[in-house]
Protein backbone atom coordinates (compact mmCIF):
# COMPACT_ATOMS: atom_id res chain seq x y z
CA UNK A 1 -30.82 -9.08 7.00
CA UNK A 2 -29.51 -11.45 4.35
CA UNK A 3 -26.57 -13.76 4.84
CA UNK A 4 -23.38 -13.15 2.91
CA UNK A 5 -23.03 -15.33 -0.19
CA UNK A 6 -20.52 -18.15 -0.05
CA UNK A 7 -17.49 -17.49 -2.21
CA UNK A 8 -16.06 -20.14 -4.45
CA UNK A 9 -12.36 -21.02 -4.07
CA UNK A 10 -11.68 -19.24 -7.38
CA UNK A 11 -13.35 -16.06 -6.11
CA UNK A 12 -11.34 -16.24 -2.89
CA UNK A 13 -8.10 -16.56 -4.90
CA UNK A 14 -9.04 -13.60 -7.11
CA UNK A 15 -9.95 -11.48 -4.08
CA UNK A 16 -6.64 -12.37 -2.41
CA UNK A 17 -4.64 -11.47 -5.55
CA UNK A 18 -6.51 -8.18 -5.85
CA UNK A 19 -5.84 -7.36 -2.18
CA UNK A 20 -2.13 -8.12 -2.58
CA UNK A 21 -1.97 -5.97 -5.72
CA UNK A 22 -3.65 -3.03 -3.93
CA UNK A 23 -1.25 -3.41 -0.99
CA UNK A 24 1.76 -3.38 -3.34
CA UNK A 25 0.50 -0.27 -5.14
CA UNK A 26 -0.06 1.51 -1.82
CA UNK A 27 3.42 0.54 -0.59
CA UNK A 28 4.93 1.82 -3.86
CA UNK A 29 3.08 5.13 -3.49
CA UNK A 30 4.31 5.52 0.08
CA UNK A 31 7.89 4.84 -1.06
CA UNK A 32 7.58 7.35 -3.92
CA UNK A 33 6.15 10.07 -1.66
CA UNK A 34 8.86 9.42 0.93
CA UNK A 35 11.62 9.60 -1.70
CA UNK A 36 10.17 12.77 -3.22
CA UNK A 37 9.90 14.40 0.20
CA UNK A 38 13.52 13.60 1.06
CA UNK A 39 14.63 14.78 -2.40
CA UNK A 40 12.72 18.04 -2.06
CA UNK A 41 13.77 18.82 1.53
CA UNK A 42 17.28 17.46 1.18
CA UNK A 43 19.00 14.71 3.14
CA UNK A 44 19.97 17.10 5.94
CA UNK A 45 16.37 17.11 7.17
CA UNK A 46 17.12 13.74 8.80
CA UNK A 47 20.04 15.23 10.79
CA UNK A 48 18.06 17.95 12.57
CA UNK A 49 18.14 18.14 16.36
CA UNK A 50 15.09 16.68 18.07
């Protein structure tokens, strides 16, 4: 089994930026799906009895 290659500081920075960008895109998609669901079902869906 080979050891993992050492990353340069520049590669670490690029990986971190890419991870943050992916996280932001995922958060935006979650927000869009949530908003579309509420818009489609109507705001009264939040006032239903549990």
